[in-house]
Amino acid sequence: GRYSAGLAANDRQVVFLGGDDVDRRA
């Protein structure tokens, strides 16, 4: 599970940036 998130994709892969610290919103 992740809280804050960044998401992007190209024609080969999906990239997800996430954090599991809800207080820092990392």
PDB file of all heavy atoms in Angstrom:
ATOM      1  N   GLY A   1       0.803  -1.207   0.000  1.00  0.00           N
ATOM      2  CA  GLY A   1       0.000   0.000   0.000  1.00  0.00           C
ATOM      3  C   GLY A   1       0.840   1.263   0.000  1.00  0.00           C
ATOM      4  O   GLY A   1       1.897   1.318   0.627  1.00  0.00           O
ATOM      5  N   ARG A   2       0.358   2.272  -0.688  1.00  0.00           N
ATOM      6  CA  ARG A   2       1.071   3.539  -0.778  1.00  0.00           C
ATOM      7  C   ARG A   2       0.095   4.689  -0.573  1.00  0.00           C
ATOM      8  O   ARG A   2      -1.082   4.594  -0.896  1.00  0.00           O
ATOM      9  CB  ARG A   2       1.755   3.683  -2.153  1.00  0.00           C
ATOM     10  CG  ARG A   2       2.913   2.707  -2.377  1.00  0.00           C
ATOM     11  CD  ARG A   2       4.054   3.024  -1.410  1.00  0.00           C
ATOM     12  NE  ARG A   2       5.221   2.173  -1.599  1.00  0.00           N
ATOM     13  CZ  ARG A   2       5.463   1.080  -0.891  1.00  0.00           C
ATOM     14  NH1 ARG A   2       4.599   0.683   0.018  1.00  0.00           N
ATOM     15  NH2 ARG A   2       6.552   0.377  -1.092  1.00  0.00           N
ATOM     16  N   TYR A   3       0.618   5.807  -0.071  1.00  0.00           N
ATOM     17  CA  TYR A   3      -0.198   6.995   0.150  1.00  0.00           C
ATOM     18  C   TYR A   3       0.029   7.989  -0.985  1.00  0.00           C
ATOM     19  O   TYR A   3      -0.668   7.968  -1.977  1.00  0.00           O
ATOM     20  CB  TYR A   3       0.139   7.610   1.511  1.00  0.00           C
ATOM     21  CG  TYR A   3      -0.134   6.669   2.649  1.00  0.00           C
ATOM     22  CD1 TYR A   3       0.873   5.898   3.205  1.00  0.00           C
ATOM     23  CD2 TYR A   3      -1.425   6.526   3.154  1.00  0.00           C
ATOM     24  CE1 TYR A   3       0.620   5.018   4.244  1.00  0.00           C
ATOM     25  CE2 TYR A   3      -1.697   5.648   4.194  1.00  0.00           C
ATOM     26  CZ  TYR A   3      -0.660   4.889   4.739  1.00  0.00           C
ATOM     27  OH  TYR A   3      -0.922   4.028   5.755  1.00  0.00           O
ATOM     28  N   SER A   4       1.031   8.853  -0.856  1.00  0.00           N
ATOM     29  CA  SER A   4       1.323   9.780  -1.941  1.00  0.00           C
ATOM     30  C   SER A   4       1.834   9.002  -3.140  1.00  0.00           C
ATOM     31  O   SER A   4       2.455   7.947  -3.000  1.00  0.00           O
ATOM     32  CB  SER A   4       2.375  10.801  -1.495  1.00  0.00           C
ATOM     33  OG  SER A   4       1.864  11.608  -0.463  1.00  0.00           O
ATOM     34  N   ALA A   5       1.597   9.537  -4.329  1.00  0.00           N
ATOM     35  CA  ALA A   5       1.918   8.756  -5.508  1.00  0.00           C
ATOM     36  C   ALA A   5       2.213   9.641  -6.703  1.00  0.00           C
ATOM     37  O   ALA A   5       1.655  10.714  -6.858  1.00  0.00           O
ATOM     38  CB  ALA A   5       0.766   7.814  -5.842  1.00  0.00           C
ATOM     39  N   GLY A   6       3.113   9.159  -7.551  1.00  0.00           N
ATOM     40  CA  GLY A   6       3.350   9.720  -8.867  1.00  0.00           C
ATOM     41  C   GLY A   6       3.300   8.591  -9.867  1.00  0.00           C
ATOM     42  O   GLY A   6       3.776   7.480  -9.589  1.00  0.00           O
ATOM     43  N   LEU A   7       2.725   8.828 -11.040  1.00  0.00           N
ATOM     44  CA  LEU A   7       2.498   7.747 -11.991  1.00  0.00           C
ATOM     45  C   LEU A   7       2.779   8.251 -13.397  1.00  0.00           C
ATOM     46  O   LEU A   7       2.400   9.365 -13.749  1.00  0.00           O
ATOM     47  CB  LEU A   7       1.042   7.280 -11.881  1.00  0.00           C
ATOM     48  CG  LEU A   7       0.625   5.982 -12.558  1.00  0.00           C
ATOM     49  CD1 LEU A   7       1.292   4.793 -11.876  1.00  0.00           C
ATOM     50  CD2 LEU A   7      -0.893   5.830 -12.511  1.00  0.00           C
ATOM     51  N   ALA A   8       3.467   7.433 -14.207  1.00  0.00           N
ATOM     52  CA  ALA A   8       3.733   7.763 -15.605  1.00  0.00           C
ATOM     53  C   ALA A   8       3.901   6.467 -16.372  1.00  0.00           C
ATOM     54  O   ALA A   8       4.155   5.402 -15.793  1.00  0.00           O
ATOM     55  CB  ALA A   8       4.986   8.639 -15.741  1.00  0.00           C
ATOM     56  N   ALA A   9       3.774   6.537 -17.703  1.00  0.00           N
ATOM     57  CA  ALA A   9       3.867   5.325 -18.514  1.00  0.00           C
ATOM     58  C   ALA A   9       4.369   5.664 -19.910  1.00  0.00           C
ATOM     59  O   ALA A   9       4.164   6.777 -20.410  1.00  0.00           O
ATOM     60  CB  ALA A   9       2.510   4.630 -18.607  1.00  0.00           C
ATOM     61  N   ASN A  10       5.041   4.705 -20.533  1.00  0.00           N
ATOM     62  CA  ASN A  10       5.336   4.775 -21.961  1.00  0.00           C
ATOM     63  C   ASN A  10       4.813   3.486 -22.600  1.00  0.00           C
ATOM     64  O   ASN A  10       4.034   2.763 -21.986  1.00  0.00           O
ATOM     65  CB  ASN A  10       6.831   4.998 -22.210  1.00  0.00           C
ATOM     66  CG  ASN A  10       7.712   3.900 -21.630  1.00  0.00           C
ATOM     67  OD1 ASN A  10       7.246   2.807 -21.292  1.00  0.00           O
ATOM     68  ND2 ASN A  10       9.006   4.194 -21.490  1.00  0.00           N
ATOM     69  N   ASP A  11       5.234   3.189 -23.818  1.00  0.00           N
ATOM     70  CA  ASP A  11       4.687   2.015 -24.502  1.00  0.00           C
ATOM     71  C   ASP A  11       5.318   0.705 -24.054  1.00  0.00           C
ATOM     72  O   ASP A  11       4.992  -0.355 -24.586  1.00  0.00           O
ATOM     73  CB  ASP A  11       4.816   2.173 -26.016  1.00  0.00           C
ATOM     74  CG  ASP A  11       6.255   2.382 -26.460  1.00  0.00           C
ATOM     75  OD1 ASP A  11       7.178   2.364 -25.600  1.00  0.00           O
ATOM     76  OD2 ASP A  11       6.477   2.578 -27.665  1.00  0.00           O
ATOM     77  N   ARG A  12       6.193   0.753 -23.047  1.00  0.00           N
ATOM     78  CA  ARG A  12       6.839  -0.455 -22.556  1.00  0.00           C
ATOM     79  C   ARG A  12       6.575  -0.729 -21.087  1.00  0.00           C
ATOM     80  O   ARG A  12       6.553  -1.875 -20.664  1.00  0.00           O
ATOM     81  CB  ARG A  12       8.363  -0.388 -22.779  1.00  0.00           C
ATOM     82  CG  ARG A  12       8.791  -0.241 -24.219  1.00  0.00           C
ATOM     83  CD  ARG A  12      10.297  -0.305 -24.359  1.00  0.00           C
ATOM     84  NE  ARG A  12      10.976   0.585 -23.415  1.00  0.00           N
ATOM     85  CZ  ARG A  12      11.151   1.904 -23.626  1.00  0.00           C
ATOM     86  NH1 ARG A  12      10.675   2.458 -24.721  1.00  0.00           N
ATOM     87  NH2 ARG A  12      11.785   2.635 -22.744  1.00  0.00           N
ATOM     88  N   GLN A  13       6.416   0.334 -20.277  1.00  0.00           N
ATOM     89  CA  GLN A  13       6.324   0.125 -18.843  1.00  0.00           C
ATOM     90  C   GLN A  13       5.575   1.261 -18.152  1.00  0.00           C
ATOM     91  O   GLN A  13       5.408   2.342 -18.710  1.00  0.00           O
ATOM     92  CB  GLN A  13       7.724   0.009 -18.230  1.00  0.00           C
ATOM     93  CG  GLN A  13       8.593   1.239 -18.438  1.00  0.00           C
ATOM     94  CD  GLN A  13      10.034   1.002 -18.039  1.00  0.00           C
ATOM     95  OE1 GLN A  13      10.417  -0.089 -17.640  1.00  0.00           O
ATOM     96  NE2 GLN A  13      10.847   2.028 -18.131  1.00  0.00           N
ATOM     97  N   VAL A  14       5.119   0.938 -16.949  1.00  0.00           N
ATOM     98  CA  VAL A  14       4.485   1.919 -16.068  1.00  0.00           C
ATOM     99  C   VAL A  14       5.436   2.159 -14.902  1.00  0.00           C
ATOM    100  O   VAL A  14       5.982   1.204 -14.332  1.00  0.00           O
ATOM    101  CB  VAL A  14       3.135   1.406 -15.550  1.00  0.00           C
ATOM    102  CG1 VAL A  14       2.488   2.426 -14.614  1.00  0.00           C
ATOM    103  CG2 VAL A  14       2.211   1.081 -16.713  1.00  0.00           C
ATOM    104  N   VAL A  15       5.635   3.417 -14.543  1.00  0.00           N
ATOM    105  CA  VAL A  15       6.503   3.782 -13.426  1.00  0.00           C
ATOM    106  C   VAL A  15       5.652   4.400 -12.328  1.00  0.00           C
ATOM    107  O   VAL A  15       4.845   5.303 -12.596  1.00  0.00           O
ATOM    108  CB  VAL A  15       7.601   4.767 -13.871  1.00  0.00           C
ATOM    109  CG1 VAL A  15       8.440   5.214 -12.679  1.00  0.00           C
ATOM    110  CG2 VAL A  15       8.485   4.124 -14.924  1.00  0.00           C
ATOM    111  N   PHE A  16       5.824   3.902 -11.117  1.00  0.00           N
ATOM    112  CA  PHE A  16       5.063   4.383  -9.965  1.00  0.00           C
ATOM    113  C   PHE A  16       6.032   4.828  -8.880  1.00  0.00           C
ATOM    114  O   PHE A  16       6.920   4.074  -8.479  1.00  0.00           O
ATOM    115  CB  PHE A  16       4.160   3.271  -9.445  1.00  0.00           C
ATOM    116  CG  PHE A  16       3.358   3.648  -8.227  1.00  0.00           C
ATOM    117  CD1 PHE A  16       2.139   4.296  -8.362  1.00  0.00           C
ATOM    118  CD2 PHE A  16       3.810   3.359  -6.957  1.00  0.00           C
ATOM    119  CE1 PHE A  16       1.395   4.651  -7.250  1.00  0.00           C
ATOM    120  CE2 PHE A  16       3.078   3.696  -5.841  1.00  0.00           C
ATOM    121  CZ  PHE A  16       1.861   4.342  -5.983  1.00  0.00           C
ATOM    122  N   LEU A  17       5.882   6.057  -8.412  1.00  0.00           N
ATOM    123  CA  LEU A  17       6.625   6.548  -7.263  1.00  0.00           C
ATOM    124  C   LEU A  17       5.660   6.662  -6.105  1.00  0.00           C
ATOM    125  O   LEU A  17       4.637   7.345  -6.210  1.00  0.00           O
ATOM    126  CB  LEU A  17       7.247   7.923  -7.534  1.00  0.00           C
ATOM    127  CG  LEU A  17       8.634   7.933  -8.192  1.00  0.00           C
ATOM    128  CD1 LEU A  17       8.540   7.442  -9.624  1.00  0.00           C
ATOM    129  CD2 LEU A  17       9.221   9.331  -8.158  1.00  0.00           C
ATOM    130  N   GLY A  18       5.941   5.991  -5.003  1.00  0.00           N
ATOM    131  CA  GLY A  18       5.025   6.009  -3.879  1.00  0.00           C
ATOM    132  C   GLY A  18       5.755   6.041  -2.562  1.00  0.00           C
ATOM    133  O   GLY A  18       6.967   5.829  -2.492  1.00  0.00           O
ATOM    134  N   GLY A  19       5.014   6.331  -1.509  1.00  0.00           N
ATOM    135  CA  GLY A  19       5.582   6.348  -0.169  1.00  0.00           C
ATOM    136  C   GLY A  19       4.643   5.683   0.811  1.00  0.00           C
ATOM    137  O   GLY A  19       3.430   5.694   0.634  1.00  0.00           O
ATOM    138  N   ASP A  20       5.211   5.087   1.870  1.00  0.00           N
ATOM    139  CA  ASP A  20       4.388   4.401   2.855  1.00  0.00           C
ATOM    140  C   ASP A  20       4.343   5.136   4.183  1.00  0.00           C
ATOM    141  O   ASP A  20       3.888   4.590   5.181  1.00  0.00           O
ATOM    142  CB  ASP A  20       4.868   2.963   3.060  1.00  0.00           C
ATOM    143  CG  ASP A  20       6.333   2.891   3.481  1.00  0.00           C
ATOM    144  OD1 ASP A  20       6.935   3.952   3.732  1.00  0.00           O
ATOM    145  OD2 ASP A  20       6.850   1.770   3.559  1.00  0.00           O
ATOM    146  N   ASP A  21       4.798   6.384   4.208  1.00  0.00           N
ATOM    147  CA  ASP A  21       4.782   7.194   5.415  1.00  0.00           C
ATOM    148  C   ASP A  21       3.691   8.246   5.268  1.00  0.00           C
ATOM    149  O   ASP A  21       3.866   9.258   4.588  1.00  0.00           O
ATOM    150  CB  ASP A  21       6.144   7.860   5.637  1.00  0.00           C
ATOM    151  CG  ASP A  21       6.228   8.592   6.969  1.00  0.00           C
ATOM    152  OD1 ASP A  21       5.177   8.998   7.499  1.00  0.00           O
ATOM    153  OD2 ASP A  21       7.338   8.764   7.483  1.00  0.00           O
ATOM    154  N   VAL A  22       2.548   8.024   5.903  1.00  0.00           N
ATOM    155  CA  VAL A  22       1.418   8.926   5.704  1.00  0.00           C
ATOM    156  C   VAL A  22       1.648  10.299   6.312  1.00  0.00           C
ATOM    157  O   VAL A  22       1.117  11.297   5.856  1.00  0.00           O
ATOM    158  CB  VAL A  22       0.124   8.296   6.267  1.00  0.00           C
ATOM    159  CG1 VAL A  22       0.179   8.197   7.778  1.00  0.00           C
ATOM    160  CG2 VAL A  22      -1.092   9.076   5.829  1.00  0.00           C
ATOM    161  N   ASP A  23       2.458  10.388   7.363  1.00  0.00           N
ATOM    162  CA  ASP A  23       2.679  11.672   8.006  1.00  0.00           C
ATOM    163  C   ASP A  23       3.605  12.569   7.197  1.00  0.00           C
ATOM    164  O   ASP A  23       3.381  13.770   7.082  1.00  0.00           O
ATOM    165  CB  ASP A  23       3.248  11.467   9.413  1.00  0.00           C
ATOM    166  CG  ASP A  23       2.247  10.762  10.328  1.00  0.00           C
ATOM    167  OD1 ASP A  23       1.073  11.166  10.308  1.00  0.00           O
ATOM    168  OD2 ASP A  23       2.641   9.827  11.034  1.00  0.00           O
ATOM    169  N   ARG A  24       4.645  12.002   6.600  1.00  0.00           N
ATOM    170  CA  ARG A  24       5.557  12.803   5.780  1.00  0.00           C
ATOM    171  C   ARG A  24       5.055  12.963   4.356  1.00  0.00           C
ATOM    172  O   ARG A  24       5.570  13.771   3.600  1.00  0.00           O
ATOM    173  CB  ARG A  24       6.949  12.143   5.735  1.00  0.00           C
ATOM    174  CG  ARG A  24       7.705  12.158   7.024  1.00  0.00           C
ATOM    175  CD  ARG A  24       9.164  11.740   6.804  1.00  0.00           C
ATOM    176  NE  ARG A  24       9.289  10.471   6.135  1.00  0.00           N
ATOM    177  CZ  ARG A  24       9.810  10.298   4.922  1.00  0.00           C
ATOM    178  NH1 ARG A  24      10.226  11.325   4.225  1.00  0.00           N
ATOM    179  NH2 ARG A  24       9.909   9.091   4.402  1.00  0.00           N
ATOM    180  N   ARG A  25       4.035  12.185   3.968  1.00  0.00           N
ATOM    181  CA  ARG A  25       3.577  12.161   2.585  1.00  0.00           C
ATOM    182  C   ARG A  25       4.757  11.895   1.647  1.00  0.00           C
ATOM    183  O   ARG A  25       4.864  12.465   0.580  1.00  0.00           O
ATOM    184  CB  ARG A  25       2.897  13.476   2.207  1.00  0.00           C
ATOM    185  CG  ARG A  25       1.602  13.736   2.961  1.00  0.00           C
ATOM    186  CD  ARG A  25       0.497  12.807   2.448  1.00  0.00           C
ATOM    187  NE  ARG A  25      -0.786  13.162   3.027  1.00  0.00           N
ATOM    188  CZ  ARG A  25      -1.286  12.637   4.141  1.00  0.00           C
ATOM    189  NH1 ARG A  25      -0.571  11.746   4.802  1.00  0.00           N
ATOM    190  NH2 ARG A  25      -2.461  12.984   4.591  1.00  0.00           N
ATOM    191  N   ALA A  26       5.668  11.048   2.071  1.00  0.00           N
ATOM    192  CA  ALA A  26       6.847  10.768   1.258  1.00  0.00           C
ATOM    193  C   ALA A  26       6.464  10.024  -0.010  1.00  0.00           C
ATOM    194  O   ALA A  26       5.564   9.202  -0.013  1.00  0.00           O
ATOM    195  CB  ALA A  26       7.866   9.961   2.056  1.00  0.00           C
TER     196      ALA A  26
END
